[in-house]
């Protein structure tokens, strides 16, 4: 998970909404409110389980941000649309 905390600005995120704004993931506040903790818990699990390869990170400077963005979107969709991620 060290790669995630190296994304500039991520340590300042303190609400579920701030994660969605930071990673530019569209969300509906009324859908997120009742499931924000499960979404963030799943996002944390996905970050822990999806450690990118170091050479991939070096090739694309935004790779960690893009990966985190995708994982957050998948976590949100899992709880709001019932899709399995």
PDB file of N, CA and C in Angstrom:
ATOM      1  N   UNK A   1       0.802  -1.193   0.000  1.00  0.00           N
ATOM      2  CA  UNK A   1       0.000   0.000   0.000  1.00  0.00           C
ATOM      3  C   UNK A   1       0.847   1.261   0.000  1.00  0.00           C
ATOM      4  N   UNK A   2       2.124   1.092   0.128  1.00  0.00           N
ATOM      5  CA  UNK A   2       3.008   2.255   0.174  1.00  0.00           C
ATOM      6  C   UNK A   2       2.851   3.119  -1.079  1.00  0.00           C
ATOM      7  N   UNK A   3       2.618   2.496  -2.214  1.00  0.00           N
ATOM      8  CA  UNK A   3       2.470   3.259  -3.452  1.00  0.00           C
ATOM      9  C   UNK A   3       1.304   4.236  -3.357  1.00  0.00           C
ATOM     10  N   UNK A   4       0.239   3.844  -2.654  1.00  0.00           N
ATOM     11  CA  UNK A   4      -0.934   4.707  -2.549  1.00  0.00           C
ATOM     12  C   UNK A   4      -0.614   5.969  -1.760  1.00  0.00           C
ATOM     13  N   UNK A   5       0.090   5.827  -0.660  1.00  0.00           N
ATOM     14  CA  UNK A   5       0.397   6.979   0.188  1.00  0.00           C
ATOM     15  C   UNK A   5       1.444   7.902  -0.422  1.00  0.00           C
ATOM     16  N   UNK A   6       2.066   7.475  -1.494  1.00  0.00           N
ATOM     17  CA  UNK A   6       3.029   8.329  -2.191  1.00  0.00           C
ATOM     18  C   UNK A   6       2.359   9.234  -3.226  1.00  0.00           C
ATOM     19  N   UNK A   7       1.079   9.077  -3.445  1.00  0.00           N
ATOM     20  CA  UNK A   7       0.352   9.957  -4.359  1.00  0.00           C
ATOM     21  C   UNK A   7       0.240  11.320  -3.678  1.00  0.00           C
ATOM     22  N   UNK A   8       0.757  12.370  -4.298  1.00  0.00           N
ATOM     23  CA  UNK A   8       0.700  13.695  -3.674  1.00  0.00           C
ATOM     24  C   UNK A   8      -0.735  14.129  -3.377  1.00  0.00           C
ATOM     25  N   UNK A   9      -0.983  14.522  -2.132  1.00  0.00           N
ATOM     26  CA  UNK A   9      -2.289  15.017  -1.726  1.00  0.00           C
ATOM     27  C   UNK A   9      -3.194  13.986  -1.087  1.00  0.00           C
ATOM     28  N   UNK A  10      -2.876  12.717  -1.218  1.00  0.00           N
ATOM     29  CA  UNK A  10      -3.774  11.677  -0.714  1.00  0.00           C
ATOM     30  C   UNK A  10      -3.846  11.693   0.815  1.00  0.00           C
ATOM     31  N   UNK A  11      -2.809  12.114   1.481  1.00  0.00           N
ATOM     32  CA  UNK A  11      -2.821  12.114   2.946  1.00  0.00           C
ATOM     33  C   UNK A  11      -3.743  13.192   3.528  1.00  0.00           C
ATOM     34  N   UNK A  12      -4.200  14.118   2.715  1.00  0.00           N
ATOM     35  CA  UNK A  12      -5.113  15.170   3.184  1.00  0.00           C
ATOM     36  C   UNK A  12      -6.584  14.782   3.052  1.00  0.00           C
ATOM     37  N   UNK A  13      -6.874  13.635   2.456  1.00  0.00           N
ATOM     38  CA  UNK A  13      -8.255  13.212   2.248  1.00  0.00           C
ATOM     39  C   UNK A  13      -8.840  12.731   3.573  1.00  0.00           C
ATOM     40  N   UNK A  14      -9.991  13.297   3.961  1.00  0.00           N
ATOM     41  CA  UNK A  14     -10.537  12.966   5.263  1.00  0.00           C
ATOM     42  C   UNK A  14     -12.020  12.598   5.258  1.00  0.00           C
ATOM     43  N   UNK A  15     -12.657  12.608   4.103  1.00  0.00           N
ATOM     44  CA  UNK A  15     -14.049  12.179   4.001  1.00  0.00           C
ATOM     45  C   UNK A  15     -14.202  11.318   2.758  1.00  0.00           C
ATOM     46  N   UNK A  16     -15.283  10.561   2.721  1.00  0.00           N
ATOM     47  CA  UNK A  16     -15.541   9.755   1.527  1.00  0.00           C
ATOM     48  C   UNK A  16     -15.651  10.652   0.299  1.00  0.00           C
ATOM     49  N   UNK A  17     -16.370  11.757   0.455  1.00  0.00           N
ATOM     50  CA  UNK A  17     -16.550  12.678  -0.666  1.00  0.00           C
ATOM     51  C   UNK A  17     -15.214  13.230  -1.158  1.00  0.00           C
ATOM     52  N   UNK A  18     -14.286  13.490  -0.236  1.00  0.00           N
ATOM     53  CA  UNK A  18     -12.988  14.033  -0.645  1.00  0.00           C
ATOM     54  C   UNK A  18     -12.219  13.048  -1.513  1.00  0.00           C
ATOM     55  N   UNK A  19     -12.377  11.757  -1.268  1.00  0.00           N
ATOM     56  CA  UNK A  19     -11.728  10.752  -2.116  1.00  0.00           C
ATOM     57  C   UNK A  19     -12.303  10.809  -3.535  1.00  0.00           C
ATOM     58  N   UNK A  20     -13.623  10.909  -3.628  1.00  0.00           N
ATOM     59  CA  UNK A  20     -14.262  10.940  -4.937  1.00  0.00           C
ATOM     60  C   UNK A  20     -13.890  12.200  -5.713  1.00  0.00           C
ATOM     61  N   UNK A  21     -13.814  13.320  -5.034  1.00  0.00           N
ATOM     62  CA  UNK A  21     -13.419  14.573  -5.690  1.00  0.00           C
ATOM     63  C   UNK A  21     -11.956  14.483  -6.125  1.00  0.00           C
ATOM     64  N   UNK A  22     -11.086  14.038  -5.232  1.00  0.00           N
ATOM     65  CA  UNK A  22      -9.659  13.958  -5.523  1.00  0.00           C
ATOM     66  C   UNK A  22      -9.366  13.064  -6.724  1.00  0.00           C
ATOM     67  N   UNK A  23     -10.030  11.915  -6.771  1.00  0.00           N
ATOM     68  CA  UNK A  23      -9.783  10.970  -7.855  1.00  0.00           C
ATOM     69  C   UNK A  23     -10.732  11.162  -9.042  1.00  0.00           C
ATOM     70  N   UNK A  24     -11.512  12.232  -9.027  1.00  0.00           N
ATOM     71  CA  UNK A  24     -12.389  12.593 -10.143  1.00  0.00           C
ATOM     72  C   UNK A  24     -13.318  11.443 -10.535  1.00  0.00           C
ATOM     73  N   UNK A  25     -13.908  10.818  -9.525  1.00  0.00           N
ATOM     74  CA  UNK A  25     -14.862   9.734  -9.744  1.00  0.00           C
ATOM     75  C   UNK A  25     -16.263  10.300  -9.517  1.00  0.00           C
ATOM     76  N   UNK A  26     -17.120  10.176 -10.511  1.00  0.00           N
ATOM     77  CA  UNK A  26     -18.497  10.641 -10.383  1.00  0.00           C
ATOM     78  C   UNK A  26     -19.221   9.822  -9.317  1.00  0.00           C
ATOM     79  N   UNK A  27     -20.014  10.505  -8.525  1.00  0.00           N
ATOM     80  CA  UNK A  27     -20.794   9.810  -7.505  1.00  0.00           C
ATOM     81  C   UNK A  27     -22.051  10.602  -7.189  1.00  0.00           C
ATOM     82  N   UNK A  28     -23.015   9.905  -6.642  1.00  0.00           N
ATOM     83  CA  UNK A  28     -24.265  10.510  -6.197  1.00  0.00           C
ATOM     84  C   UNK A  28     -24.204  10.526  -4.670  1.00  0.00           C
ATOM     85  N   UNK A  29     -24.226  11.699  -4.074  1.00  0.00           N
ATOM     86  CA  UNK A  29     -24.092  11.832  -2.623  1.00  0.00           C
ATOM     87  C   UNK A  29     -25.172  11.058  -1.873  1.00  0.00           C
ATOM     88  N   UNK A  30     -26.377  11.001  -2.427  1.00  0.00           N
ATOM     89  CA  UNK A  30     -27.453  10.280  -1.745  1.00  0.00           C
ATOM     90  C   UNK A  30     -27.224   8.773  -1.770  1.00  0.00           C
ATOM     91  N   UNK A  31     -26.558   8.271  -2.807  1.00  0.00           N
ATOM     92  CA  UNK A  31     -26.221   6.846  -2.862  1.00  0.00           C
ATOM     93  C   UNK A  31     -25.003   6.536  -2.007  1.00  0.00           C
ATOM     94  N   UNK A  32     -24.061   7.459  -1.969  1.00  0.00           N
ATOM     95  CA  UNK A  32     -22.818   7.223  -1.228  1.00  0.00           C
ATOM     96  C   UNK A  32     -23.031   7.282   0.278  1.00  0.00           C
ATOM     97  N   UNK A  33     -23.864   8.187   0.741  1.00  0.00           N
ATOM     98  CA  UNK A  33     -24.022   8.416   2.183  1.00  0.00           C
ATOM     99  C   UNK A  33     -24.284   7.141   2.983  1.00  0.00           C
ATOM    100  N   UNK A  34     -25.257   6.307   2.608  1.00  0.00           N
ATOM    101  CA  UNK A  34     -25.530   5.135   3.431  1.00  0.00           C
ATOM    102  C   UNK A  34     -24.498   4.009   3.308  1.00  0.00           C
ATOM    103  N   UNK A  35     -23.623   4.093   2.313  1.00  0.00           N
ATOM    104  CA  UNK A  35     -22.664   2.999   2.136  1.00  0.00           C
ATOM    105  C   UNK A  35     -21.214   3.482   2.055  1.00  0.00           C
ATOM    106  N   UNK A  36     -20.946   4.685   2.556  1.00  0.00           N
ATOM    107  CA  UNK A  36     -19.585   5.218   2.412  1.00  0.00           C
ATOM    108  C   UNK A  36     -18.548   4.364   3.135  1.00  0.00           C
ATOM    109  N   UNK A  37     -18.861   3.851   4.326  1.00  0.00           N
ATOM    110  CA  UNK A  37     -17.885   3.022   5.036  1.00  0.00           C
ATOM    111  C   UNK A  37     -17.598   1.709   4.309  1.00  0.00           C
ATOM    112  N   UNK A  38     -18.622   0.972   3.852  1.00  0.00           N
ATOM    113  CA  UNK A  38     -18.317  -0.243   3.089  1.00  0.00           C
ATOM    114  C   UNK A  38     -17.558   0.054   1.791  1.00  0.00           C
ATOM    115  N   UNK A  39     -17.878   1.162   1.128  1.00  0.00           N
ATOM    116  CA  UNK A  39     -17.168   1.518  -0.111  1.00  0.00           C
ATOM    117  C   UNK A  39     -15.701   1.782   0.196  1.00  0.00           C
ATOM    118  N   UNK A  40     -15.429   2.572   1.222  1.00  0.00           N
ATOM    119  CA  UNK A  40     -14.032   2.871   1.560  1.00  0.00           C
ATOM    120  C   UNK A  40     -13.301   1.635   2.078  1.00  0.00           C
ATOM    121  N   UNK A  41     -13.998   0.750   2.781  1.00  0.00           N
ATOM    122  CA  UNK A  41     -13.379  -0.498   3.239  1.00  0.00           C
ATOM    123  C   UNK A  41     -12.996  -1.371   2.044  1.00  0.00           C
ATOM    124  N   UNK A  42     -13.896  -1.467   1.073  1.00  0.00           N
ATOM    125  CA  UNK A  42     -13.583  -2.251  -0.126  1.00  0.00           C
ATOM    126  C   UNK A  42     -12.457  -1.600  -0.921  1.00  0.00           C
ATOM    127  N   UNK A  43     -12.484  -0.279  -1.015  1.00  0.00           N
ATOM    128  CA  UNK A  43     -11.412   0.458  -1.690  1.00  0.00           C
ATOM    129  C   UNK A  43     -10.071   0.154  -1.021  1.00  0.00           C
ATOM    130  N   UNK A  44     -10.024   0.159   0.299  1.00  0.00           N
ATOM    131  CA  UNK A  44      -8.803  -0.155   1.035  1.00  0.00           C
ATOM    132  C   UNK A  44      -8.330  -1.577   0.721  1.00  0.00           C
ATOM    133  N   UNK A  45      -9.284  -2.512   0.704  1.00  0.00           N
ATOM    134  CA  UNK A  45      -8.926  -3.902   0.387  1.00  0.00           C
ATOM    135  C   UNK A  45      -8.363  -4.019  -1.022  1.00  0.00           C
ATOM    136  N   UNK A  46      -8.996  -3.325  -1.965  1.00  0.00           N
ATOM    137  CA  UNK A  46      -8.539  -3.378  -3.349  1.00  0.00           C
ATOM    138  C   UNK A  46      -7.146  -2.752  -3.492  1.00  0.00           C
ATOM    139  N   UNK A  47      -6.900  -1.663  -2.780  1.00  0.00           N
ATOM    140  CA  UNK A  47      -5.568  -1.038  -2.815  1.00  0.00           C
ATOM    141  C   UNK A  47      -4.530  -2.018  -2.293  1.00  0.00           C
ATOM    142  N   UNK A  48      -4.842  -2.661  -1.178  1.00  0.00           N
ATOM    143  CA  UNK A  48      -3.922  -3.621  -0.572  1.00  0.00           C
ATOM    144  C   UNK A  48      -3.660  -4.808  -1.501  1.00  0.00           C
ATOM    145  N   UNK A  49      -4.688  -5.263  -2.206  1.00  0.00           N
ATOM    146  CA  UNK A  49      -4.574  -6.457  -3.048  1.00  0.00           C
ATOM    147  C   UNK A  49      -4.050  -6.183  -4.456  1.00  0.00           C
ATOM    148  N   UNK A  50      -4.052  -4.935  -4.896  1.00  0.00           N
ATOM    149  CA  UNK A  50      -3.664  -4.611  -6.268  1.00  0.00           C
ATOM    150  C   UNK A  50      -2.387  -3.781  -6.310  1.00  0.00           C
ATOM    151  N   UNK A  51      -1.328  -4.342  -5.786  1.00  0.00           N
ATOM    152  CA  UNK A  51      -0.056  -3.640  -5.777  1.00  0.00           C
ATOM    153  C   UNK A  51       0.513  -3.654  -7.190  1.00  0.00           C
ATOM    154  N   UNK A  52       0.700  -2.461  -7.774  1.00  0.00           N
ATOM    155  CA  UNK A  52       1.242  -2.413  -9.135  1.00  0.00           C
ATOM    156  C   UNK A  52       2.728  -2.760  -9.157  1.00  0.00           C
ATOM    157  N   UNK A  53       3.188  -3.209 -10.300  1.00  0.00           N
ATOM    158  CA  UNK A  53       4.605  -3.516 -10.468  1.00  0.00           C
ATOM    159  C   UNK A  53       5.414  -2.232 -10.508  1.00  0.00           C
ATOM    160  N   UNK A  54       6.594  -2.241  -9.915  1.00  0.00           N
ATOM    161  CA  UNK A  54       7.431  -1.054  -9.846  1.00  0.00           C
ATOM    162  C   UNK A  54       7.803  -0.538 -11.233  1.00  0.00           C
ATOM    163  N   UNK A  55       8.116  -1.408 -12.174  1.00  0.00           N
ATOM    164  CA  UNK A  55       8.494  -0.925 -13.503  1.00  0.00           C
ATOM    165  C   UNK A  55       7.319  -0.251 -14.213  1.00  0.00           C
ATOM    166  N   UNK A  56       6.094  -0.672 -13.919  1.00  0.00           N
ATOM    167  CA  UNK A  56       4.914  -0.038 -14.502  1.00  0.00           C
ATOM    168  C   UNK A  56       4.740   1.369 -13.925  1.00  0.00           C
ATOM    169  N   UNK A  57       5.020   1.511 -12.638  1.00  0.00           N
ATOM    170  CA  UNK A  57       4.910   2.819 -11.999  1.00  0.00           C
ATOM    171  C   UNK A  57       5.920   3.804 -12.575  1.00  0.00           C
ATOM    172  N   UNK A  58       7.104   3.332 -12.877  1.00  0.00           N
ATOM    173  CA  UNK A  58       8.131   4.207 -13.424  1.00  0.00           C
ATOM    174  C   UNK A  58       7.793   4.635 -14.847  1.00  0.00           C
ATOM    175  N   UNK A  59       7.114   3.776 -15.596  1.00  0.00           N
ATOM    176  CA  UNK A  59       6.789   4.081 -16.990  1.00  0.00           C
ATOM    177  C   UNK A  59       5.719   5.167 -17.098  1.00  0.00           C
ATOM    178  N   UNK A  60       4.817   5.233 -16.172  1.00  0.00           N
ATOM    179  CA  UNK A  60       3.713   6.204 -16.212  1.00  0.00           C
ATOM    180  C   UNK A  60       3.619   6.885 -14.848  1.00  0.00           C
ATOM    181  N   UNK A  61       4.015   8.143 -14.759  1.00  0.00           N
ATOM    182  CA  UNK A  61       4.002   8.840 -13.468  1.00  0.00           C
ATOM    183  C   UNK A  61       2.624   8.891 -12.799  1.00  0.00           C
ATOM    184  N   UNK A  62       1.547   8.905 -13.587  1.00  0.00           N
ATOM    185  CA  UNK A  62       0.196   8.968 -13.020  1.00  0.00           C
ATOM    186  C   UNK A  62      -0.400   7.592 -12.747  1.00  0.00           C
ATOM    187  N   UNK A  63       0.363   6.534 -12.968  1.00  0.00           N
ATOM    188  CA  UNK A  63      -0.168   5.181 -12.801  1.00  0.00           C
ATOM    189  C   UNK A  63      -0.762   4.936 -11.416  1.00  0.00           C
ATOM    190  N   UNK A  64      -0.124   5.343 -10.326  1.00  0.00           N
ATOM    191  CA  UNK A  64      -0.743   5.100  -9.020  1.00  0.00           C
ATOM    192  C   UNK A  64      -2.085   5.816  -8.873  1.00  0.00           C
ATOM    193  N   UNK A  65      -2.170   7.053  -9.330  1.00  0.00           N
ATOM    194  CA  UNK A  65      -3.411   7.818  -9.239  1.00  0.00           C
ATOM    195  C   UNK A  65      -4.491   7.161 -10.092  1.00  0.00           C
ATOM    196  N   UNK A  66      -4.131   6.749 -11.292  1.00  0.00           N
ATOM    197  CA  UNK A  66      -5.095   6.118 -12.190  1.00  0.00           C
ATOM    198  C   UNK A  66      -5.597   4.788 -11.624  1.00  0.00           C
ATOM    199  N   UNK A  67      -4.693   4.014 -11.032  1.00  0.00           N
ATOM    200  CA  UNK A  67      -5.093   2.740 -10.436  1.00  0.00           C
ATOM    201  C   UNK A  67      -6.021   2.984  -9.252  1.00  0.00           C
ATOM    202  N   UNK A  68      -5.683   3.922  -8.380  1.00  0.00           N
ATOM    203  CA  UNK A  68      -6.527   4.231  -7.228  1.00  0.00           C
ATOM    204  C   UNK A  68      -7.894   4.721  -7.692  1.00  0.00           C
ATOM    205  N   UNK A  69      -7.925   5.537  -8.736  1.00  0.00           N
ATOM    206  CA  UNK A  69      -9.185   6.046  -9.277  1.00  0.00           C
ATOM    207  C   UNK A  69     -10.071   4.885  -9.747  1.00  0.00           C
ATOM    208  N   UNK A  70      -9.479   3.951 -10.482  1.00  0.00           N
ATOM    209  CA  UNK A  70     -10.236   2.793 -10.970  1.00  0.00           C
ATOM    210  C   UNK A  70     -10.772   1.946  -9.813  1.00  0.00           C
ATOM    211  N   UNK A  71      -9.942   1.728  -8.794  1.00  0.00           N
ATOM    212  CA  UNK A  71     -10.351   0.908  -7.661  1.00  0.00           C
ATOM    213  C   UNK A  71     -11.450   1.580  -6.844  1.00  0.00           C
ATOM    214  N   UNK A  72     -11.389   2.885  -6.702  1.00  0.00           N
ATOM    215  CA  UNK A  72     -12.446   3.608  -5.996  1.00  0.00           C
ATOM    216  C   UNK A  72     -13.756   3.517  -6.774  1.00  0.00           C
ATOM    217  N   UNK A  73     -13.695   3.704  -8.069  1.00  0.00           N
ATOM    218  CA  UNK A  73     -14.897   3.610  -8.902  1.00  0.00           C
ATOM    219  C   UNK A  73     -15.502   2.211  -8.832  1.00  0.00           C
ATOM    220  N   UNK A  74     -14.668   1.179  -8.869  1.00  0.00           N
ATOM    221  CA  UNK A  74     -15.165  -0.191  -8.769  1.00  0.00           C
ATOM    222  C   UNK A  74     -15.829  -0.442  -7.416  1.00  0.00           C
ATOM    223  N   UNK A  75     -15.221   0.064  -6.355  1.00  0.00           N
ATOM    224  CA  UNK A  75     -15.783  -0.117  -5.017  1.00  0.00           C
ATOM    225  C   UNK A  75     -17.137   0.563  -4.905  1.00  0.00           C
ATOM    226  N   UNK A  76     -17.250   1.754  -5.428  1.00  0.00           N
ATOM    227  CA  UNK A  76     -18.503   2.504  -5.400  1.00  0.00           C
ATOM    228  C   UNK A  76     -19.582   1.760  -6.192  1.00  0.00           C
ATOM    229  N   UNK A  77     -19.237   1.310  -7.385  1.00  0.00           N
ATOM    230  CA  UNK A  77     -20.204   0.606  -8.221  1.00  0.00           C
ATOM    231  C   UNK A  77     -20.674  -0.689  -7.564  1.00  0.00           C
ATOM    232  N   UNK A  78     -19.777  -1.355  -6.874  1.00  0.00           N
ATOM    233  CA  UNK A  78     -20.113  -2.602  -6.201  1.00  0.00           C
ATOM    234  C   UNK A  78     -21.249  -2.392  -5.199  1.00  0.00           C
ATOM    235  N   UNK A  79     -21.203  -1.297  -4.469  1.00  0.00           N
ATOM    236  CA  UNK A  79     -22.213  -1.057  -3.425  1.00  0.00           C
ATOM    237  C   UNK A  79     -23.419  -0.270  -3.904  1.00  0.00           C
ATOM    238  N   UNK A  80     -23.310   0.460  -4.991  1.00  0.00           N
ATOM    239  CA  UNK A  80     -24.444   1.265  -5.422  1.00  0.00           C
ATOM    240  C   UNK A  80     -25.205   0.666  -6.598  1.00  0.00           C
ATOM    241  N   UNK A  81     -24.550  -0.186  -7.367  1.00  0.00           N
ATOM    242  CA  UNK A  81     -25.201  -0.781  -8.521  1.00  0.00           C
ATOM    243  C   UNK A  81     -25.283  -2.287  -8.427  1.00  0.00           C
ATOM    244  N   UNK A  82     -24.738  -2.833  -7.367  1.00  0.00           N
ATOM    245  CA  UNK A  82     -24.818  -4.279  -7.159  1.00  0.00           C
ATOM    246  C   UNK A  82     -23.896  -5.091  -8.033  1.00  0.00           C
ATOM    247  N   UNK A  83     -22.962  -4.416  -8.767  1.00  0.00           N
ATOM    248  CA  UNK A  83     -22.032  -5.184  -9.607  1.00  0.00           C
ATOM    249  C   UNK A  83     -20.956  -5.781  -8.733  1.00  0.00           C
ATOM    250  N   UNK A  84     -20.482  -6.910  -9.126  1.00  0.00           N
ATOM    251  CA  UNK A  84     -19.391  -7.568  -8.422  1.00  0.00           C
ATOM    252  C   UNK A  84     -18.077  -7.142  -9.035  1.00  0.00           C
ATOM    253  N   UNK A  85     -17.189  -6.605  -8.224  1.00  0.00           N
ATOM    254  CA  UNK A  85     -15.877  -6.148  -8.703  1.00  0.00           C
ATOM    255  C   UNK A  85     -14.834  -7.200  -8.432  1.00  0.00           C
TER     256      UNK A  85
END
